[in-house]
Structures are given as C-alpha cells and as structure tokens.
Amino acid sequence: MTETADETVYWDMVDTFIEQANELTDNAEPSMVSAAMLQALARYSAFLVANASVDRKEFTEEMESATSFLTNQFRDAVRDNLEDYRENYKVYMKVDDENQ
C-alpha cells in the first residue's frame, strides 16, 4: 500500500513530535515529558474545538461531545501503540531473548 502525501506529512509530524520528546528527556524525566505533551495536546485540542465553534454558546454545547470524541481517539491510539509494542517489544526495547 502506498502512502498518500497527507499520510506522509502526518507521519513526518508524528516523528517530529517524538524526536522533540526524546530531546527533552535529556533534561527531564520521560514521565514529565509525557505529562507536558499530554497537557499541550489537551490545550491544543481545546483550541481546535473553540476555533470550530461559531460562538461561546456553541462551544459550551459541544464540550461534552468533543471531550468524549477526543478521549476515545486517545484511548484507541494508546491501545494501538501498546499492542504494537507488545508485538515488537524485543525490537523496540532492544532486548535479547534472555531479557524478554
């Protein structure tokens, strides 16, 4: 299957965010980097919902459905990536058969 231009741009952005996170772990614990990324994602997502709203009333009415949609998207992404790590643990974590 060939990636479309949009898919290539998407995965390039994902890689850029991960590279930035990896660089940040030079000066902070990975758990802090993760928490900061989650906060940034939440803040940016709130902006997207507000930006798509015609006014504050519509924004307020959409908050619950947006929260549900976004948390479901995150849950699915986490599950997919945990499954990927389970399947590729030895490769990603660079362990030998003795330490699996």
PDB file of N, CA and C in Angstrom:
ATOM      1  N   MET A   1       0.845  -1.179   0.000  1.00  0.00           N
ATOM      2  CA  MET A   1       0.000   0.000   0.000  1.00  0.00           C
ATOM      3  C   MET A   1       0.891   1.243   0.000  1.00  0.00           C
ATOM      4  N   THR A   2       0.587   2.186  -0.862  1.00  0.00           N
ATOM      5  CA  THR A   2       1.354   3.409  -0.990  1.00  0.00           C
ATOM      6  C   THR A   2       0.743   4.503  -0.119  1.00  0.00           C
ATOM      7  N   GLU A   3       1.602   5.215   0.597  1.00  0.00           N
ATOM      8  CA  GLU A   3       1.128   6.330   1.410  1.00  0.00           C
ATOM      9  C   GLU A   3       0.770   7.507   0.527  1.00  0.00           C
ATOM     10  N   THR A   4      -0.306   8.177   0.897  1.00  0.00           N
ATOM     11  CA  THR A   4      -0.649   9.414   0.206  1.00  0.00           C
ATOM     12  C   THR A   4       0.240  10.530   0.744  1.00  0.00           C
ATOM     13  N   ALA A   5       0.231  11.661   0.067  1.00  0.00           N
ATOM     14  CA  ALA A   5       1.021  12.809   0.520  1.00  0.00           C
ATOM     15  C   ALA A   5       0.592  13.237   1.918  1.00  0.00           C
ATOM     16  N   ASP A   6      -0.716  13.230   2.186  1.00  0.00           N
ATOM     17  CA  ASP A   6      -1.211  13.614   3.514  1.00  0.00           C
ATOM     18  C   ASP A   6      -0.718  12.641   4.584  1.00  0.00           C
ATOM     19  N   GLU A   7      -0.705  11.347   4.270  1.00  0.00           N
ATOM     20  CA  GLU A   7      -0.217  10.353   5.237  1.00  0.00           C
ATOM     21  C   GLU A   7       1.268  10.555   5.512  1.00  0.00           C
ATOM     22  N   THR A   8       2.014  10.868   4.478  1.00  0.00           N
ATOM     23  CA  THR A   8       3.447  11.121   4.655  1.00  0.00           C
ATOM     24  C   THR A   8       3.664  12.335   5.548  1.00  0.00           C
ATOM     25  N   VAL A   9       2.930  13.404   5.298  1.00  0.00           N
ATOM     26  CA  VAL A   9       3.037  14.613   6.133  1.00  0.00           C
ATOM     27  C   VAL A   9       2.648  14.279   7.570  1.00  0.00           C
ATOM     28  N   TYR A  10       1.564  13.528   7.730  1.00  0.00           N
ATOM     29  CA  TYR A  10       1.093  13.130   9.064  1.00  0.00           C
ATOM     30  C   TYR A  10       2.183  12.390   9.833  1.00  0.00           C
ATOM     31  N   TRP A  11       2.758  11.337   9.231  1.00  0.00           N
ATOM     32  CA  TRP A  11       3.768  10.534   9.918  1.00  0.00           C
ATOM     33  C   TRP A  11       5.057  11.324  10.136  1.00  0.00           C
ATOM     34  N   ASP A  12       5.367  12.245   9.253  1.00  0.00           N
ATOM     35  CA  ASP A  12       6.517  13.124   9.472  1.00  0.00           C
ATOM     36  C   ASP A  12       6.292  14.001  10.709  1.00  0.00           C
ATOM     37  N   MET A  13       5.067  14.495  10.874  1.00  0.00           N
ATOM     38  CA  MET A  13       4.764  15.303  12.059  1.00  0.00           C
ATOM     39  C   MET A  13       4.854  14.454  13.326  1.00  0.00           C
ATOM     40  N   VAL A  14       4.301  13.234  13.269  1.00  0.00           N
ATOM     41  CA  VAL A  14       4.387  12.335  14.426  1.00  0.00           C
ATOM     42  C   VAL A  14       5.851  12.126  14.802  1.00  0.00           C
ATOM     43  N   ASP A  15       6.676  11.823  13.817  1.00  0.00           N
ATOM     44  CA  ASP A  15       8.106  11.610  14.074  1.00  0.00           C
ATOM     45  C   ASP A  15       8.768  12.854  14.657  1.00  0.00           C
ATOM     46  N   THR A  16       8.378  14.025  14.180  1.00  0.00           N
ATOM     47  CA  THR A  16       8.935  15.279  14.697  1.00  0.00           C
ATOM     48  C   THR A  16       8.593  15.460  16.170  1.00  0.00           C
ATOM     49  N   PHE A  17       7.346  15.186  16.537  1.00  0.00           N
ATOM     50  CA  PHE A  17       6.948  15.305  17.944  1.00  0.00           C
ATOM     51  C   PHE A  17       7.718  14.311  18.815  1.00  0.00           C
ATOM     52  N   ILE A  18       7.885  13.095  18.336  1.00  0.00           N
ATOM     53  CA  ILE A  18       8.622  12.086  19.102  1.00  0.00           C
ATOM     54  C   ILE A  18      10.085  12.475  19.237  1.00  0.00           C
ATOM     55  N   GLU A  19      10.685  12.977  18.174  1.00  0.00           N
ATOM     56  CA  GLU A  19      12.078  13.440  18.238  1.00  0.00           C
ATOM     57  C   GLU A  19      12.224  14.558  19.270  1.00  0.00           C
ATOM     58  N   GLN A  20      11.277  15.497  19.264  1.00  0.00           N
ATOM     59  CA  GLN A  20      11.318  16.592  20.241  1.00  0.00           C
ATOM     60  C   GLN A  20      11.193  16.043  21.658  1.00  0.00           C
ATOM     61  N   ALA A  21      10.301  15.101  21.862  1.00  0.00           N
ATOM     62  CA  ALA A  21      10.139  14.494  23.187  1.00  0.00           C
ATOM     63  C   ALA A  21      11.426  13.799  23.617  1.00  0.00           C
ATOM     64  N   ASN A  22      12.040  13.068  22.706  1.00  0.00           N
ATOM     65  CA  ASN A  22      13.292  12.388  23.031  1.00  0.00           C
ATOM     66  C   ASN A  22      14.380  13.379  23.402  1.00  0.00           C
ATOM     67  N   GLU A  23      14.445  14.507  22.710  1.00  0.00           N
ATOM     68  CA  GLU A  23      15.421  15.542  23.050  1.00  0.00           C
ATOM     69  C   GLU A  23      15.150  16.133  24.433  1.00  0.00           C
ATOM     70  N   LEU A  24      13.880  16.309  24.754  1.00  0.00           N
ATOM     71  CA  LEU A  24      13.521  16.877  26.056  1.00  0.00           C
ATOM     72  C   LEU A  24      13.901  15.952  27.209  1.00  0.00           C
ATOM     73  N   THR A  25      13.980  14.645  26.952  1.00  0.00           N
ATOM     74  CA  THR A  25      14.359  13.720  28.024  1.00  0.00           C
ATOM     75  C   THR A  25      15.832  13.844  28.404  1.00  0.00           C
ATOM     76  N   ASP A  26      16.587  14.628  27.646  1.00  0.00           N
ATOM     77  CA  ASP A  26      17.971  14.895  28.043  1.00  0.00           C
ATOM     78  C   ASP A  26      18.014  15.711  29.330  1.00  0.00           C
ATOM     79  N   ASN A  27      16.972  16.495  29.591  1.00  0.00           N
ATOM     80  CA  ASN A  27      16.946  17.383  30.759  1.00  0.00           C
ATOM     81  C   ASN A  27      15.756  17.164  31.678  1.00  0.00           C
ATOM     82  N   ALA A  28      14.943  16.152  31.388  1.00  0.00           N
ATOM     83  CA  ALA A  28      13.765  15.898  32.219  1.00  0.00           C
ATOM     84  C   ALA A  28      13.420  14.414  32.165  1.00  0.00           C
ATOM     85  N   GLU A  29      12.742  13.963  33.181  1.00  0.00           N
ATOM     86  CA  GLU A  29      12.298  12.570  33.221  1.00  0.00           C
ATOM     87  C   GLU A  29      11.276  12.317  32.114  1.00  0.00           C
ATOM     88  N   PRO A  30      11.306  11.131  31.506  1.00  0.00           N
ATOM     89  CA  PRO A  30      10.317  10.815  30.468  1.00  0.00           C
ATOM     90  C   PRO A  30       8.872  11.010  30.929  1.00  0.00           C
ATOM     91  N   SER A  31       8.591  10.728  32.200  1.00  0.00           N
ATOM     92  CA  SER A  31       7.221  10.912  32.694  1.00  0.00           C
ATOM     93  C   SER A  31       6.813  12.387  32.676  1.00  0.00           C
ATOM     94  N   MET A  32       7.763  13.290  32.940  1.00  0.00           N
ATOM     95  CA  MET A  32       7.454  14.714  32.885  1.00  0.00           C
ATOM     96  C   MET A  32       7.239  15.152  31.440  1.00  0.00           C
ATOM     97  N   VAL A  33       8.070  14.635  30.531  1.00  0.00           N
ATOM     98  CA  VAL A  33       7.903  14.958  29.116  1.00  0.00           C
ATOM     99  C   VAL A  33       6.531  14.471  28.644  1.00  0.00           C
ATOM    100  N   SER A  34       6.161  13.277  29.032  1.00  0.00           N
ATOM    101  CA  SER A  34       4.862  12.728  28.655  1.00  0.00           C
ATOM    102  C   SER A  34       3.718  13.586  29.192  1.00  0.00           C
ATOM    103  N   ALA A  35       3.821  13.981  30.454  1.00  0.00           N
ATOM    104  CA  ALA A  35       2.778  14.829  31.059  1.00  0.00           C
ATOM    105  C   ALA A  35       2.683  16.170  30.347  1.00  0.00           C
ATOM    106  N   ALA A  36       3.826  16.735  29.993  1.00  0.00           N
ATOM    107  CA  ALA A  36       3.827  18.019  29.285  1.00  0.00           C
ATOM    108  C   ALA A  36       3.212  17.874  27.897  1.00  0.00           C
ATOM    109  N   MET A  37       3.545  16.781  27.212  1.00  0.00           N
ATOM    110  CA  MET A  37       2.953  16.552  25.885  1.00  0.00           C
ATOM    111  C   MET A  37       1.442  16.366  25.985  1.00  0.00           C
ATOM    112  N   LEU A  38       0.995  15.651  27.001  1.00  0.00           N
ATOM    113  CA  LEU A  38      -0.439  15.443  27.187  1.00  0.00           C
ATOM    114  C   LEU A  38      -1.146  16.764  27.469  1.00  0.00           C
ATOM    115  N   GLN A  39      -0.533  17.603  28.297  1.00  0.00           N
ATOM    116  CA  GLN A  39      -1.107  18.920  28.586  1.00  0.00           C
ATOM    117  C   GLN A  39      -1.163  19.772  27.316  1.00  0.00           C
ATOM    118  N   ALA A  40      -0.084  19.745  26.541  1.00  0.00           N
ATOM    119  CA  ALA A  40      -0.054  20.518  25.289  1.00  0.00           C
ATOM    120  C   ALA A  40      -1.126  20.012  24.328  1.00  0.00           C
ATOM    121  N   LEU A  41      -1.288  18.711  24.235  1.00  0.00           N
ATOM    122  CA  LEU A  41      -2.318  18.138  23.374  1.00  0.00           C
ATOM    123  C   LEU A  41      -3.712  18.557  23.843  1.00  0.00           C
ATOM    124  N   ALA A  42      -3.936  18.523  25.132  1.00  0.00           N
ATOM    125  CA  ALA A  42      -5.243  18.935  25.671  1.00  0.00           C
ATOM    126  C   ALA A  42      -5.516  20.405  25.371  1.00  0.00           C
ATOM    127  N   ARG A  43      -4.515  21.237  25.566  1.00  0.00           N
ATOM    128  CA  ARG A  43      -4.676  22.668  25.310  1.00  0.00           C
ATOM    129  C   ARG A  43      -4.943  22.925  23.826  1.00  0.00           C
ATOM    130  N   TYR A  44      -4.185  22.269  22.960  1.00  0.00           N
ATOM    131  CA  TYR A  44      -4.357  22.465  21.524  1.00  0.00           C
ATOM    132  C   TYR A  44      -5.721  21.926  21.069  1.00  0.00           C
ATOM    133  N   SER A  45      -6.148  20.812  21.637  1.00  0.00           N
ATOM    134  CA  SER A  45      -7.455  20.254  21.296  1.00  0.00           C
ATOM    135  C   SER A  45      -8.582  21.192  21.707  1.00  0.00           C
ATOM    136  N   ALA A  46      -8.450  21.814  22.881  1.00  0.00           N
ATOM    137  CA  ALA A  46      -9.458  22.790  23.319  1.00  0.00           C
ATOM    138  C   ALA A  46      -9.514  23.961  22.342  1.00  0.00           C
ATOM    139  N   PHE A  47      -8.341  24.412  21.888  1.00  0.00           N
ATOM    140  CA  PHE A  47      -8.291  25.471  20.891  1.00  0.00           C
ATOM    141  C   PHE A  47      -9.006  25.043  19.610  1.00  0.00           C
ATOM    142  N   LEU A  48      -8.765  23.822  19.144  1.00  0.00           N
ATOM    143  CA  LEU A  48      -9.404  23.353  17.910  1.00  0.00           C
ATOM    144  C   LEU A  48     -10.926  23.347  18.031  1.00  0.00           C
ATOM    145  N   VAL A  49     -11.419  22.874  19.159  1.00  0.00           N
ATOM    146  CA  VAL A  49     -12.871  22.839  19.368  1.00  0.00           C
ATOM    147  C   VAL A  49     -13.417  24.269  19.408  1.00  0.00           C
ATOM    148  N   ALA A  50     -12.754  25.152  20.145  1.00  0.00           N
ATOM    149  CA  ALA A  50     -13.200  26.550  20.215  1.00  0.00           C
ATOM    150  C   ALA A  50     -13.147  27.205  18.842  1.00  0.00           C
ATOM    151  N   ASN A  51     -12.090  26.947  18.097  1.00  0.00           N
ATOM    152  CA  ASN A  51     -11.915  27.545  16.781  1.00  0.00           C
ATOM    153  C   ASN A  51     -12.980  27.075  15.786  1.00  0.00           C
ATOM    154  N   ALA A  52     -13.479  25.859  15.970  1.00  0.00           N
ATOM    155  CA  ALA A  52     -14.509  25.318  15.083  1.00  0.00           C
ATOM    156  C   ALA A  52     -15.911  25.771  15.473  1.00  0.00           C
ATOM    157  N   SER A  53     -16.030  26.427  16.613  1.00  0.00           N
ATOM    158  CA  SER A  53     -17.325  26.880  17.102  1.00  0.00           C
ATOM    159  C   SER A  53     -17.632  28.277  16.586  1.00  0.00           C
ATOM    160  N   VAL A  54     -18.913  28.524  16.328  1.00  0.00           N
ATOM    161  CA  VAL A  54     -19.291  29.859  15.848  1.00  0.00           C
ATOM    162  C   VAL A  54     -19.333  30.884  16.974  1.00  0.00           C
ATOM    163  N   ASP A  55     -19.570  30.404  18.199  1.00  0.00           N
ATOM    164  CA  ASP A  55     -19.611  31.312  19.343  1.00  0.00           C
ATOM    165  C   ASP A  55     -19.434  30.516  20.635  1.00  0.00           C
ATOM    166  N   ARG A  56     -19.404  31.231  21.756  1.00  0.00           N
ATOM    167  CA  ARG A  56     -19.192  30.593  23.055  1.00  0.00           C
ATOM    168  C   ARG A  56     -20.312  29.622  23.401  1.00  0.00           C
ATOM    169  N   LYS A  57     -21.533  29.959  23.024  1.00  0.00           N
ATOM    170  CA  LYS A  57     -22.671  29.084  23.311  1.00  0.00           C
ATOM    171  C   LYS A  57     -22.499  27.739  22.604  1.00  0.00           C
ATOM    172  N   GLU A  58     -22.162  27.768  21.322  1.00  0.00           N
ATOM    173  CA  GLU A  58     -21.953  26.514  20.594  1.00  0.00           C
ATOM    174  C   GLU A  58     -20.767  25.740  21.179  1.00  0.00           C
ATOM    175  N   PHE A  59     -19.713  26.468  21.504  1.00  0.00           N
ATOM    176  CA  PHE A  59     -18.548  25.835  22.120  1.00  0.00           C
ATOM    177  C   PHE A  59     -18.963  25.098  23.392  1.00  0.00           C
ATOM    178  N   THR A  60     -19.711  25.779  24.248  1.00  0.00           N
ATOM    179  CA  THR A  60     -20.159  25.184  25.505  1.00  0.00           C
ATOM    180  C   THR A  60     -21.022  23.960  25.251  1.00  0.00           C
ATOM    181  N   GLU A  61     -21.892  24.024  24.255  1.00  0.00           N
ATOM    182  CA  GLU A  61     -22.765  22.893  23.925  1.00  0.00           C
ATOM    183  C   GLU A  61     -21.978  21.702  23.378  1.00  0.00           C
ATOM    184  N   GLU A  62     -20.852  21.963  22.739  1.00  0.00           N
ATOM    185  CA  GLU A  62     -20.045  20.905  22.122  1.00  0.00           C
ATOM    186  C   GLU A  62     -18.987  20.319  23.057  1.00  0.00           C
ATOM    187  N   MET A  63     -18.799  20.914  24.219  1.00  0.00           N
ATOM    188  CA  MET A  63     -17.711  20.481  25.088  1.00  0.00           C
ATOM    189  C   MET A  63     -17.798  18.997  25.457  1.00  0.00           C
ATOM    190  N   GLU A  64     -18.948  18.533  25.846  1.00  0.00           N
ATOM    191  CA  GLU A  64     -19.079  17.133  26.286  1.00  0.00           C
ATOM    192  C   GLU A  64     -18.839  16.159  25.142  1.00  0.00           C
ATOM    193  N   SER A  65     -19.421  16.419  23.977  1.00  0.00           N
ATOM    194  CA  SER A  65     -19.219  15.505  22.848  1.00  0.00           C
ATOM    195  C   SER A  65     -17.772  15.567  22.355  1.00  0.00           C
ATOM    196  N   ALA A  66     -17.176  16.739  22.389  1.00  0.00           N
ATOM    197  CA  ALA A  66     -15.775  16.867  21.988  1.00  0.00           C
ATOM    198  C   ALA A  66     -14.869  16.112  22.959  1.00  0.00           C
ATOM    199  N   THR A  67     -15.154  16.236  24.244  1.00  0.00           N
ATOM    200  CA  THR A  67     -14.384  15.510  25.257  1.00  0.00           C
ATOM    201  C   THR A  67     -14.477  14.008  25.026  1.00  0.00           C
ATOM    202  N   SER A  68     -15.671  13.527  24.781  1.00  0.00           N
ATOM    203  CA  SER A  68     -15.864  12.098  24.526  1.00  0.00           C
ATOM    204  C   SER A  68     -15.126  11.650  23.271  1.00  0.00           C
ATOM    205  N   PHE A  69     -15.263  12.407  22.198  1.00  0.00           N
ATOM    206  CA  PHE A  69     -14.592  12.066  20.943  1.00  0.00           C
ATOM    207  C   PHE A  69     -13.076  12.030  21.130  1.00  0.00           C
ATOM    208  N   LEU A  70     -12.524  13.086  21.732  1.00  0.00           N
ATOM    209  CA  LEU A  70     -11.074  13.185  21.887  1.00  0.00           C
ATOM    210  C   LEU A  70     -10.525  12.100  22.809  1.00  0.00           C
ATOM    211  N   THR A  71     -11.207  11.811  23.904  1.00  0.00           N
ATOM    212  CA  THR A  71     -10.711  10.770  24.807  1.00  0.00           C
ATOM    213  C   THR A  71     -10.805   9.392  24.155  1.00  0.00           C
ATOM    214  N   ASN A  72     -11.835   9.157  23.363  1.00  0.00           N
ATOM    215  CA  ASN A  72     -11.927   7.886  22.639  1.00  0.00           C
ATOM    216  C   ASN A  72     -10.812   7.758  21.606  1.00  0.00           C
ATOM    217  N   GLN A  73     -10.507   8.853  20.912  1.00  0.00           N
ATOM    218  CA  GLN A  73      -9.411   8.839  19.944  1.00  0.00           C
ATOM    219  C   GLN A  73      -8.091   8.527  20.641  1.00  0.00           C
ATOM    220  N   PHE A  74      -7.859   9.163  21.784  1.00  0.00           N
ATOM    221  CA  PHE A  74      -6.627   8.931  22.528  1.00  0.00           C
ATOM    222  C   PHE A  74      -6.561   7.491  23.025  1.00  0.00           C
ATOM    223  N   ARG A  75      -7.660   7.002  23.568  1.00  0.00           N
ATOM    224  CA  ARG A  75      -7.718   5.621  24.066  1.00  0.00           C
ATOM    225  C   ARG A  75      -7.373   4.636  22.947  1.00  0.00           C
ATOM    226  N   ASP A  76      -7.952   4.836  21.766  1.00  0.00           N
ATOM    227  CA  ASP A  76      -7.671   3.952  20.627  1.00  0.00           C
ATOM    228  C   ASP A  76      -6.206   4.025  20.221  1.00  0.00           C
ATOM    229  N   ALA A  77      -5.642   5.225  20.205  1.00  0.00           N
ATOM    230  CA  ALA A  77      -4.232   5.385  19.826  1.00  0.00           C
ATOM    231  C   ALA A  77      -3.316   4.709  20.848  1.00  0.00           C
ATOM    232  N   VAL A  78      -3.636   4.854  22.124  1.00  0.00           N
ATOM    233  CA  VAL A  78      -2.832   4.207  23.163  1.00  0.00           C
ATOM    234  C   VAL A  78      -2.914   2.692  23.015  1.00  0.00           C
ATOM    235  N   ARG A  79      -4.109   2.166  22.841  1.00  0.00           N
ATOM    236  CA  ARG A  79      -4.266   0.708  22.655  1.00  0.00           C
ATOM    237  C   ARG A  79      -3.464   0.218  21.461  1.00  0.00           C
ATOM    238  N   ASP A  80      -3.580   0.902  20.331  1.00  0.00           N
ATOM    239  CA  ASP A  80      -2.856   0.501  19.124  1.00  0.00           C
ATOM    240  C   ASP A  80      -1.348   0.483  19.373  1.00  0.00           C
ATOM    241  N   ASN A  81      -0.846   1.501  20.046  1.00  0.00           N
ATOM    242  CA  ASN A  81       0.592   1.576  20.285  1.00  0.00           C
ATOM    243  C   ASN A  81       1.059   0.584  21.334  1.00  0.00           C
ATOM    244  N   LEU A  82       0.262   0.331  22.355  1.00  0.00           N
ATOM    245  CA  LEU A  82       0.617  -0.708  23.323  1.00  0.00           C
ATOM    246  C   LEU A  82       0.665  -2.072  22.652  1.00  0.00           C
ATOM    247  N   GLU A  83      -0.287  -2.337  21.792  1.00  0.00           N
ATOM    248  CA  GLU A  83      -0.300  -3.603  21.053  1.00  0.00           C
ATOM    249  C   GLU A  83       0.928  -3.700  20.151  1.00  0.00           C
ATOM    250  N   ASP A  84       1.279  -2.617  19.491  1.00  0.00           N
ATOM    251  CA  ASP A  84       2.461  -2.595  18.644  1.00  0.00           C
ATOM    252  C   ASP A  84       3.714  -2.896  19.467  1.00  0.00           C
ATOM    253  N   TYR A  85       3.814  -2.286  20.639  1.00  0.00           N
ATOM    254  CA  TYR A  85       4.969  -2.553  21.500  1.00  0.00           C
ATOM    255  C   TYR A  85       4.965  -3.995  21.999  1.00  0.00           C
ATOM    256  N   ARG A  86       3.800  -4.540  22.293  1.00  0.00           N
ATOM    257  CA  ARG A  86       3.735  -5.943  22.724  1.00  0.00           C
ATOM    258  C   ARG A  86       4.260  -6.848  21.624  1.00  0.00           C
ATOM    259  N   GLU A  87       3.840  -6.592  20.406  1.00  0.00           N
ATOM    260  CA  GLU A  87       4.247  -7.412  19.267  1.00  0.00           C
ATOM    261  C   GLU A  87       5.720  -7.226  18.911  1.00  0.00           C
ATOM    262  N   ASN A  88       6.272  -6.058  19.170  1.00  0.00           N
ATOM    263  CA  ASN A  88       7.634  -5.734  18.753  1.00  0.00           C
ATOM    264  C   ASN A  88       8.544  -5.376  19.926  1.00  0.00           C
ATOM    265  N   TYR A  89       8.207  -5.867  21.105  1.00  0.00           N
ATOM    266  CA  TYR A  89       8.903  -5.467  22.318  1.00  0.00           C
ATOM    267  C   TYR A  89      10.415  -5.648  22.211  1.00  0.00           C
ATOM    268  N   LYS A  90      10.850  -6.823  21.763  1.00  0.00           N
ATOM    269  CA  LYS A  90      12.292  -7.101  21.686  1.00  0.00           C
ATOM    270  C   LYS A  90      12.998  -6.140  20.739  1.00  0.00           C
ATOM    271  N   VAL A  91      12.336  -5.767  19.670  1.00  0.00           N
ATOM    272  CA  VAL A  91      12.941  -4.846  18.704  1.00  0.00           C
ATOM    273  C   VAL A  91      12.982  -3.429  19.265  1.00  0.00           C
ATOM    274  N   TYR A  92      11.833  -2.946  19.748  1.00  0.00           N
ATOM    275  CA  TYR A  92      11.755  -1.568  20.227  1.00  0.00           C
ATOM    276  C   TYR A  92      12.590  -1.327  21.477  1.00  0.00           C
ATOM    277  N   MET A  93      12.600  -2.314  22.388  1.00  0.00           N
ATOM    278  CA  MET A  93      13.309  -2.148  23.646  1.00  0.00           C
ATOM    279  C   MET A  93      14.730  -2.697  23.584  1.00  0.00           C
ATOM    280  N   LYS A  94      15.090  -3.245  22.425  1.00  0.00           N
ATOM    281  CA  LYS A  94      16.444  -3.752  22.178  1.00  0.00           C
ATOM    282  C   LYS A  94      16.899  -4.719  23.257  1.00  0.00           C
ATOM    283  N   VAL A  95      16.078  -5.742  23.479  1.00  0.00           N
ATOM    284  CA  VAL A  95      16.428  -6.780  24.452  1.00  0.00           C
ATOM    285  C   VAL A  95      16.693  -8.093  23.718  1.00  0.00           C
ATOM    286  N   ASP A  96      17.519  -8.918  24.356  1.00  0.00           N
ATOM    287  CA  ASP A  96      17.760 -10.225  23.783  1.00  0.00           C
ATOM    288  C   ASP A  96      16.741 -11.203  24.361  1.00  0.00           C
ATOM    289  N   ASP A  97      16.779 -12.439  23.900  1.00  0.00           N
ATOM    290  CA  ASP A  97      15.803 -13.440  24.335  1.00  0.00           C
ATOM    291  C   ASP A  97      15.858 -13.704  25.834  1.00  0.00           C
ATOM    292  N   GLU A  98      17.025 -13.543  26.444  1.00  0.00           N
ATOM    293  CA  GLU A  98      17.154 -13.805  27.876  1.00  0.00           C
ATOM    294  C   GLU A  98      16.429 -12.761  28.719  1.00  0.00           C
ATOM    295  N   ASN A  99      16.280 -11.546  28.207  1.00  0.00           N
ATOM    296  CA  ASN A  99      15.684 -10.458  28.992  1.00  0.00           C
ATOM    297  C   ASN A  99      14.273 -10.083  28.541  1.00  0.00           C
ATOM    298  N   GLN A 100      13.628 -10.945  27.824  1.00  0.00           N
ATOM    299  CA  GLN A 100      12.305 -10.595  27.322  1.00  0.00           C
ATOM    300  C   GLN A 100      11.317 -10.649  28.429  1.00  0.00           C
TER     301      GLN A 100
END
